[in-house]
Amino acid sequence: MTNVSVVTFDVADGSFTFYSKESWESQVQSWRDELFESGMIEDRDIIDEMDYYEVVECMWGEEVFVDYI
């Protein structure tokens, strides 16, 4: 049995990245922080309300897909 619960697929290079529930939540929070710090989205409340699909889309556009295992 594995603790992998989320996988991302990067269309550009064909790579998969696997995350446990805890590491996924940490990664999404890291991306939220990056969106705020880069100034891409200036309102922290908006970023915090975004679901993980929206965060991934802001970070990677159509290049990365997410699915739960």
N, C-alpha and C. Protein backbone atom coordinates (compact mmCIF):
# COMPACT_ATOMS: atom_id res chain seq x y z
N MET A 1 0.85 -1.18 0.00
CA MET A 1 0.00 0.00 0.00
C MET A 1 0.89 1.24 0.00
N THR A 2 0.44 2.26 -0.66
CA THR A 2 1.21 3.48 -0.79
C THR A 2 0.46 4.66 -0.19
N ASN A 3 1.19 5.69 0.15
CA ASN A 3 0.54 6.87 0.70
C ASN A 3 0.38 7.97 -0.34
N VAL A 4 0.59 7.65 -1.61
CA VAL A 4 0.41 8.62 -2.70
C VAL A 4 -1.08 8.88 -2.88
N SER A 5 -1.45 10.15 -2.90
CA SER A 5 -2.86 10.47 -3.09
C SER A 5 -3.11 11.43 -4.25
N VAL A 6 -2.05 12.12 -4.72
CA VAL A 6 -2.20 13.09 -5.81
C VAL A 6 -1.05 12.90 -6.79
N VAL A 7 -1.36 13.04 -8.07
CA VAL A 7 -0.33 12.99 -9.10
C VAL A 7 -0.52 14.18 -10.03
N THR A 8 0.60 14.77 -10.45
CA THR A 8 0.55 15.80 -11.48
C THR A 8 1.27 15.26 -12.72
N PHE A 9 0.79 15.67 -13.87
CA PHE A 9 1.40 15.31 -15.14
C PHE A 9 1.78 16.58 -15.87
N ASP A 10 3.05 16.70 -16.22
CA ASP A 10 3.56 17.86 -16.94
C ASP A 10 3.62 17.51 -18.43
N VAL A 11 2.76 18.15 -19.21
CA VAL A 11 2.66 17.88 -20.63
C VAL A 11 3.96 18.21 -21.36
N ALA A 12 4.64 19.26 -20.93
CA ALA A 12 5.84 19.73 -21.63
C ALA A 12 6.94 18.69 -21.65
N ASP A 13 7.17 18.02 -20.53
CA ASP A 13 8.26 17.05 -20.50
C ASP A 13 7.80 15.61 -20.24
N GLY A 14 6.50 15.42 -20.11
CA GLY A 14 5.96 14.07 -19.92
C GLY A 14 6.22 13.47 -18.56
N SER A 15 6.54 14.30 -17.58
CA SER A 15 6.87 13.78 -16.25
C SER A 15 5.65 13.73 -15.35
N PHE A 16 5.70 12.80 -14.42
CA PHE A 16 4.70 12.67 -13.36
C PHE A 16 5.37 13.02 -12.04
N THR A 17 4.62 13.67 -11.16
CA THR A 17 5.08 13.92 -9.79
C THR A 17 4.01 13.41 -8.86
N PHE A 18 4.42 12.62 -7.88
CA PHE A 18 3.49 12.00 -6.95
C PHE A 18 3.62 12.65 -5.58
N TYR A 19 2.47 12.86 -4.92
CA TYR A 19 2.43 13.54 -3.63
C TYR A 19 1.59 12.74 -2.65
N SER A 20 2.02 12.73 -1.39
CA SER A 20 1.15 12.26 -0.32
C SER A 20 0.19 13.41 -0.02
N LYS A 21 -0.81 13.15 0.78
CA LYS A 21 -1.76 14.21 1.12
C LYS A 21 -1.04 15.39 1.76
N GLU A 22 -0.13 15.10 2.69
CA GLU A 22 0.58 16.16 3.40
C GLU A 22 1.50 16.94 2.47
N SER A 23 2.25 16.22 1.63
CA SER A 23 3.17 16.93 0.73
C SER A 23 2.40 17.73 -0.32
N TRP A 24 1.23 17.25 -0.74
CA TRP A 24 0.41 18.00 -1.70
C TRP A 24 -0.06 19.30 -1.09
N GLU A 25 -0.59 19.24 0.13
CA GLU A 25 -1.06 20.45 0.79
C GLU A 25 0.08 21.45 0.97
N SER A 26 1.25 20.96 1.30
CA SER A 26 2.42 21.82 1.46
C SER A 26 2.83 22.45 0.12
N GLN A 27 2.80 21.66 -0.96
CA GLN A 27 3.17 22.17 -2.27
C GLN A 27 2.20 23.24 -2.75
N VAL A 28 0.90 22.99 -2.57
CA VAL A 28 -0.10 23.98 -2.99
C VAL A 28 0.08 25.27 -2.20
N GLN A 29 0.36 25.16 -0.91
CA GLN A 29 0.59 26.37 -0.11
C GLN A 29 1.83 27.11 -0.59
N SER A 30 2.85 26.38 -0.96
CA SER A 30 4.07 26.98 -1.49
C SER A 30 3.76 27.74 -2.79
N TRP A 31 2.95 27.16 -3.65
CA TRP A 31 2.57 27.84 -4.89
C TRP A 31 1.73 29.08 -4.60
N ARG A 32 0.83 28.99 -3.60
CA ARG A 32 0.05 30.17 -3.20
C ARG A 32 0.99 31.30 -2.77
N ASP A 33 1.97 30.95 -1.94
CA ASP A 33 2.93 31.95 -1.48
C ASP A 33 3.68 32.56 -2.66
N GLU A 34 4.07 31.73 -3.61
CA GLU A 34 4.79 32.21 -4.78
C GLU A 34 3.93 33.15 -5.63
N LEU A 35 2.66 32.83 -5.79
CA LEU A 35 1.75 33.71 -6.55
C LEU A 35 1.65 35.08 -5.88
N PHE A 36 1.57 35.09 -4.56
CA PHE A 36 1.46 36.35 -3.84
C PHE A 36 2.77 37.13 -3.89
N GLU A 37 3.88 36.45 -3.62
CA GLU A 37 5.18 37.13 -3.57
C GLU A 37 5.61 37.66 -4.94
N SER A 38 5.18 36.97 -6.01
CA SER A 38 5.54 37.43 -7.35
C SER A 38 4.71 38.63 -7.80
N GLY A 39 3.61 38.88 -7.08
CA GLY A 39 2.72 39.97 -7.45
C GLY A 39 1.72 39.59 -8.52
N MET A 40 1.73 38.32 -8.93
CA MET A 40 0.78 37.89 -9.96
C MET A 40 -0.65 38.10 -9.49
N ILE A 41 -0.89 37.81 -8.22
CA ILE A 41 -2.18 38.11 -7.59
C ILE A 41 -1.86 38.86 -6.32
N GLU A 42 -2.35 40.09 -6.20
CA GLU A 42 -1.94 40.96 -5.11
C GLU A 42 -2.77 40.83 -3.84
N ASP A 43 -3.94 40.21 -3.94
CA ASP A 43 -4.83 40.09 -2.79
C ASP A 43 -4.68 38.70 -2.18
N ARG A 44 -4.09 38.62 -1.00
CA ARG A 44 -3.84 37.33 -0.34
C ARG A 44 -5.14 36.58 -0.07
N ASP A 45 -6.22 37.29 0.24
CA ASP A 45 -7.50 36.63 0.51
C ASP A 45 -8.00 35.88 -0.72
N ILE A 46 -7.81 36.45 -1.89
CA ILE A 46 -8.22 35.78 -3.13
C ILE A 46 -7.42 34.50 -3.32
N ILE A 47 -6.12 34.58 -3.11
CA ILE A 47 -5.26 33.40 -3.26
C ILE A 47 -5.66 32.31 -2.28
N ASP A 48 -5.93 32.68 -1.04
CA ASP A 48 -6.29 31.70 -0.02
C ASP A 48 -7.63 31.03 -0.30
N GLU A 49 -8.50 31.70 -1.04
CA GLU A 49 -9.80 31.13 -1.38
C GLU A 49 -9.77 30.24 -2.62
N MET A 50 -8.68 30.30 -3.37
CA MET A 50 -8.58 29.50 -4.59
C MET A 50 -8.44 28.01 -4.24
N ASP A 51 -9.13 27.16 -5.01
CA ASP A 51 -8.93 25.73 -4.80
C ASP A 51 -7.65 25.30 -5.53
N TYR A 52 -7.23 24.07 -5.32
CA TYR A 52 -5.94 23.65 -5.87
C TYR A 52 -5.92 23.66 -7.39
N TYR A 53 -7.07 23.40 -8.05
CA TYR A 53 -7.10 23.46 -9.52
C TYR A 53 -6.76 24.88 -9.99
N GLU A 54 -7.33 25.87 -9.33
CA GLU A 54 -7.08 27.26 -9.71
C GLU A 54 -5.63 27.65 -9.47
N VAL A 55 -5.06 27.18 -8.35
CA VAL A 55 -3.66 27.48 -8.05
C VAL A 55 -2.76 26.87 -9.11
N VAL A 56 -2.99 25.61 -9.45
CA VAL A 56 -2.17 24.94 -10.47
C VAL A 56 -2.32 25.65 -11.82
N GLU A 57 -3.53 26.05 -12.17
CA GLU A 57 -3.74 26.73 -13.44
C GLU A 57 -3.00 28.08 -13.48
N CYS A 58 -3.03 28.81 -12.38
CA CYS A 58 -2.30 30.09 -12.34
C CYS A 58 -0.80 29.87 -12.46
N MET A 59 -0.31 28.81 -11.85
CA MET A 59 1.13 28.53 -11.88
C MET A 59 1.58 27.97 -13.22
N TRP A 60 0.81 27.05 -13.79
CA TRP A 60 1.29 26.27 -14.93
C TRP A 60 0.41 26.34 -16.17
N GLY A 61 -0.77 26.98 -16.08
CA GLY A 61 -1.66 27.04 -17.24
C GLY A 61 -2.13 25.66 -17.63
N GLU A 62 -2.12 25.37 -18.91
CA GLU A 62 -2.57 24.08 -19.42
C GLU A 62 -1.44 23.05 -19.47
N GLU A 63 -0.29 23.40 -18.92
CA GLU A 63 0.88 22.53 -19.00
C GLU A 63 0.86 21.39 -17.99
N VAL A 64 0.21 21.60 -16.84
CA VAL A 64 0.21 20.60 -15.78
C VAL A 64 -1.23 20.20 -15.43
N PHE A 65 -1.46 18.90 -15.34
CA PHE A 65 -2.76 18.36 -14.95
C PHE A 65 -2.63 17.66 -13.62
N VAL A 66 -3.72 17.67 -12.84
CA VAL A 66 -3.73 17.08 -11.50
C VAL A 66 -4.83 16.05 -11.43
N ASP A 67 -4.56 14.96 -10.71
CA ASP A 67 -5.60 13.97 -10.47
C ASP A 67 -5.35 13.32 -9.11
N TYR A 68 -6.44 12.94 -8.46
CA TYR A 68 -6.34 12.18 -7.22
C TYR A 68 -6.29 10.70 -7.53
N ILE A 69 -5.50 9.97 -6.76
CA ILE A 69 -5.36 8.53 -6.96
C ILE A 69 -6.22 7.81 -5.94
